Amino acid sequence: MTKEEWMERLVELEKDTLELERRLKMSVANERSRKIAGFRIRTEHLHNRLLLVEEGARFLCGDAAHSLKPAAGSM
């Protein structure tokens, strides 16, 4: 292998490495976006359930439900 061939191969490897890094960064960013979206969906789900529980308490207990205080450590 000549020096020129070696240099060409080195440039190719460097390009391949940069492409792999770019793909990895995109993959990590996509995964992070999916996780964030999942957290937002779960948060919205919990919020909606909490609203349903509060609405049910108001329906069943009337205004007395407004005087209830949340337990320590609850949301």
N, C-alpha and C. Protein backbone atom coordinates (compact mmCIF):
# COMPACT_ATOMS: atom_id res chain seq x y z
N MET A 1 0.86 -1.18 0.00
CA MET A 1 0.00 0.00 0.00
C MET A 1 0.90 1.24 0.00
N THR A 2 0.60 2.11 -0.92
CA THR A 2 1.39 3.34 -1.00
C THR A 2 0.88 4.35 0.01
N LYS A 3 1.64 5.39 0.18
CA LYS A 3 1.25 6.45 1.11
C LYS A 3 -0.04 7.11 0.65
N GLU A 4 -0.20 7.32 -0.65
CA GLU A 4 -1.40 7.95 -1.19
C GLU A 4 -2.63 7.07 -0.95
N GLU A 5 -2.48 5.76 -1.18
CA GLU A 5 -3.58 4.83 -0.93
C GLU A 5 -3.95 4.82 0.54
N TRP A 6 -2.93 4.84 1.38
CA TRP A 6 -3.17 4.86 2.82
C TRP A 6 -3.91 6.13 3.22
N MET A 7 -3.51 7.25 2.67
CA MET A 7 -4.16 8.54 2.97
C MET A 7 -5.61 8.53 2.48
N GLU A 8 -5.86 7.98 1.31
CA GLU A 8 -7.22 7.87 0.79
C GLU A 8 -8.08 7.00 1.71
N ARG A 9 -7.51 5.90 2.13
CA ARG A 9 -8.23 4.99 3.04
C ARG A 9 -8.52 5.69 4.37
N LEU A 10 -7.58 6.44 4.84
CA LEU A 10 -7.75 7.19 6.09
C LEU A 10 -8.89 8.21 5.95
N VAL A 11 -8.94 8.90 4.82
CA VAL A 11 -10.01 9.87 4.57
C VAL A 11 -11.37 9.16 4.51
N GLU A 12 -11.42 8.00 3.86
CA GLU A 12 -12.66 7.22 3.79
C GLU A 12 -13.12 6.80 5.19
N LEU A 13 -12.18 6.31 5.98
CA LEU A 13 -12.51 5.90 7.35
C LEU A 13 -13.01 7.08 8.18
N GLU A 14 -12.41 8.21 7.99
CA GLU A 14 -12.82 9.41 8.72
C GLU A 14 -14.24 9.82 8.31
N LYS A 15 -14.54 9.76 7.01
CA LYS A 15 -15.89 10.07 6.54
C LYS A 15 -16.90 9.08 7.11
N ASP A 16 -16.54 7.79 7.09
CA ASP A 16 -17.43 6.76 7.64
C ASP A 16 -17.68 6.99 9.13
N THR A 17 -16.62 7.34 9.84
CA THR A 17 -16.74 7.60 11.27
C THR A 17 -17.66 8.79 11.54
N LEU A 18 -17.49 9.85 10.78
CA LEU A 18 -18.35 11.03 10.94
C LEU A 18 -19.80 10.70 10.63
N GLU A 19 -20.02 9.88 9.61
CA GLU A 19 -21.38 9.47 9.26
C GLU A 19 -22.00 8.63 10.37
N LEU A 20 -21.23 7.72 10.94
CA LEU A 20 -21.72 6.91 12.06
C LEU A 20 -22.04 7.79 13.27
N GLU A 21 -21.20 8.76 13.55
CA GLU A 21 -21.46 9.68 14.66
C GLU A 21 -22.75 10.46 14.43
N ARG A 22 -22.94 10.91 13.20
CA ARG A 22 -24.15 11.66 12.86
C ARG A 22 -25.39 10.79 13.05
N ARG A 23 -25.32 9.55 12.59
CA ARG A 23 -26.45 8.62 12.73
C ARG A 23 -26.73 8.32 14.20
N LEU A 24 -25.66 8.15 14.96
CA LEU A 24 -25.82 7.87 16.39
C LEU A 24 -26.48 9.05 17.10
N LYS A 25 -26.04 10.25 16.78
CA LYS A 25 -26.64 11.45 17.39
C LYS A 25 -28.12 11.55 17.03
N MET A 26 -28.45 11.26 15.78
CA MET A 26 -29.85 11.30 15.36
C MET A 26 -30.65 10.23 16.09
N SER A 27 -30.07 9.05 16.24
CA SER A 27 -30.75 7.96 16.93
C SER A 27 -30.99 8.32 18.39
N VAL A 28 -29.99 8.89 19.04
CA VAL A 28 -30.13 9.30 20.44
C VAL A 28 -31.18 10.40 20.56
N ALA A 29 -31.16 11.36 19.65
CA ALA A 29 -32.14 12.44 19.68
C ALA A 29 -33.55 11.89 19.47
N ASN A 30 -33.71 10.95 18.55
CA ASN A 30 -35.02 10.34 18.31
C ASN A 30 -35.50 9.59 19.54
N GLU A 31 -34.60 8.84 20.17
CA GLU A 31 -34.96 8.08 21.37
C GLU A 31 -35.36 9.04 22.50
N ARG A 32 -34.60 10.11 22.65
CA ARG A 32 -34.91 11.11 23.67
C ARG A 32 -36.28 11.73 23.41
N SER A 33 -36.56 12.02 22.15
CA SER A 33 -37.87 12.59 21.80
C SER A 33 -38.99 11.60 22.13
N ARG A 34 -38.77 10.32 21.83
CA ARG A 34 -39.78 9.31 22.15
C ARG A 34 -40.01 9.21 23.65
N LYS A 35 -38.93 9.25 24.42
CA LYS A 35 -39.05 9.17 25.87
C LYS A 35 -39.79 10.39 26.42
N ILE A 36 -39.43 11.56 25.93
CA ILE A 36 -40.11 12.78 26.39
C ILE A 36 -41.58 12.73 26.04
N ALA A 37 -41.89 12.28 24.83
CA ALA A 37 -43.29 12.16 24.43
C ALA A 37 -44.01 11.16 25.33
N GLY A 38 -43.34 10.05 25.66
CA GLY A 38 -43.93 9.06 26.55
C GLY A 38 -44.20 9.63 27.92
N PHE A 39 -43.25 10.41 28.44
CA PHE A 39 -43.46 11.05 29.74
C PHE A 39 -44.64 12.01 29.69
N ARG A 40 -44.73 12.77 28.62
CA ARG A 40 -45.83 13.73 28.50
C ARG A 40 -47.18 13.00 28.43
N ILE A 41 -47.21 11.90 27.69
CA ILE A 41 -48.45 11.13 27.58
C ILE A 41 -48.84 10.56 28.94
N ARG A 42 -47.86 9.98 29.65
CA ARG A 42 -48.16 9.43 30.98
C ARG A 42 -48.60 10.53 31.94
N THR A 43 -47.95 11.69 31.88
CA THR A 43 -48.34 12.81 32.74
C THR A 43 -49.76 13.24 32.44
N GLU A 44 -50.10 13.35 31.17
CA GLU A 44 -51.46 13.73 30.78
C GLU A 44 -52.46 12.68 31.25
N HIS A 45 -52.11 11.42 31.13
CA HIS A 45 -52.97 10.33 31.57
C HIS A 45 -53.23 10.43 33.08
N LEU A 46 -52.17 10.63 33.85
CA LEU A 46 -52.32 10.77 35.31
C LEU A 46 -53.16 11.99 35.66
N HIS A 47 -52.91 13.09 34.96
CA HIS A 47 -53.68 14.31 35.21
C HIS A 47 -55.16 14.09 34.93
N ASN A 48 -55.47 13.42 33.82
CA ASN A 48 -56.86 13.15 33.48
C ASN A 48 -57.52 12.23 34.50
N ARG A 49 -56.78 11.23 34.97
CA ARG A 49 -57.34 10.34 36.00
C ARG A 49 -57.61 11.10 37.29
N LEU A 50 -56.70 11.99 37.65
CA LEU A 50 -56.89 12.80 38.85
C LEU A 50 -58.13 13.68 38.72
N LEU A 51 -58.31 14.27 37.56
CA LEU A 51 -59.51 15.09 37.33
C LEU A 51 -60.78 14.25 37.44
N LEU A 52 -60.74 13.02 36.91
CA LEU A 52 -61.91 12.15 37.02
C LEU A 52 -62.20 11.78 38.47
N VAL A 53 -61.16 11.53 39.25
CA VAL A 53 -61.35 11.21 40.66
C VAL A 53 -61.95 12.41 41.40
N GLU A 54 -61.42 13.59 41.12
CA GLU A 54 -61.96 14.80 41.76
C GLU A 54 -63.41 15.02 41.36
N GLU A 55 -63.71 14.83 40.09
CA GLU A 55 -65.08 15.01 39.62
C GLU A 55 -66.00 13.98 40.27
N GLY A 56 -65.53 12.73 40.38
CA GLY A 56 -66.31 11.69 41.05
C GLY A 56 -66.55 12.02 42.52
N ALA A 57 -65.52 12.55 43.18
CA ALA A 57 -65.66 12.92 44.59
C ALA A 57 -66.68 14.04 44.75
N ARG A 58 -66.64 15.02 43.86
CA ARG A 58 -67.62 16.12 43.93
C ARG A 58 -69.03 15.59 43.68
N PHE A 59 -69.16 14.66 42.73
CA PHE A 59 -70.47 14.09 42.41
C PHE A 59 -71.01 13.29 43.60
N LEU A 60 -70.14 12.48 44.22
CA LEU A 60 -70.59 11.61 45.31
C LEU A 60 -70.73 12.35 46.64
N CYS A 61 -69.87 13.32 46.88
CA CYS A 61 -69.83 13.98 48.19
C CYS A 61 -70.38 15.40 48.16
N GLY A 62 -70.67 15.92 47.00
CA GLY A 62 -71.15 17.29 46.92
C GLY A 62 -70.04 18.26 47.27
N ASP A 63 -70.38 19.33 47.95
CA ASP A 63 -69.39 20.36 48.29
C ASP A 63 -68.42 19.89 49.36
N ALA A 64 -68.74 18.82 50.08
CA ALA A 64 -67.84 18.33 51.12
C ALA A 64 -66.50 17.90 50.53
N ALA A 65 -66.48 17.51 49.25
CA ALA A 65 -65.24 17.07 48.62
C ALA A 65 -64.25 18.22 48.52
N HIS A 66 -64.73 19.46 48.43
CA HIS A 66 -63.83 20.61 48.34
C HIS A 66 -63.10 20.83 49.65
N SER A 67 -63.69 20.39 50.76
CA SER A 67 -63.05 20.61 52.06
C SER A 67 -62.03 19.53 52.37
N LEU A 68 -61.97 18.46 51.56
CA LEU A 68 -60.99 17.42 51.80
C LEU A 68 -59.60 17.92 51.46
N LYS A 69 -58.65 17.54 52.30
CA LYS A 69 -57.26 17.95 52.05
C LYS A 69 -56.50 16.71 51.56
N PRO A 70 -55.59 16.90 50.62
CA PRO A 70 -54.84 15.75 50.12
C PRO A 70 -53.95 15.17 51.23
N ALA A 71 -53.74 13.86 51.16
CA ALA A 71 -52.87 13.21 52.13
C ALA A 71 -51.42 13.64 51.90
N ALA A 72 -50.65 13.56 52.95
CA ALA A 72 -49.23 13.92 52.84
C ALA A 72 -48.56 13.04 51.81
N GLY A 73 -47.79 13.67 50.95
CA GLY A 73 -47.08 12.93 49.91
C GLY A 73 -47.87 12.65 48.66
N SER A 74 -49.14 13.05 48.64
CA SER A 74 -49.94 12.82 47.43
C SER A 74 -49.73 13.97 46.47
N MET A 75 -50.17 13.75 45.24
CA MET A 75 -49.99 14.77 44.22
C MET A 75 -50.86 15.93 44.48
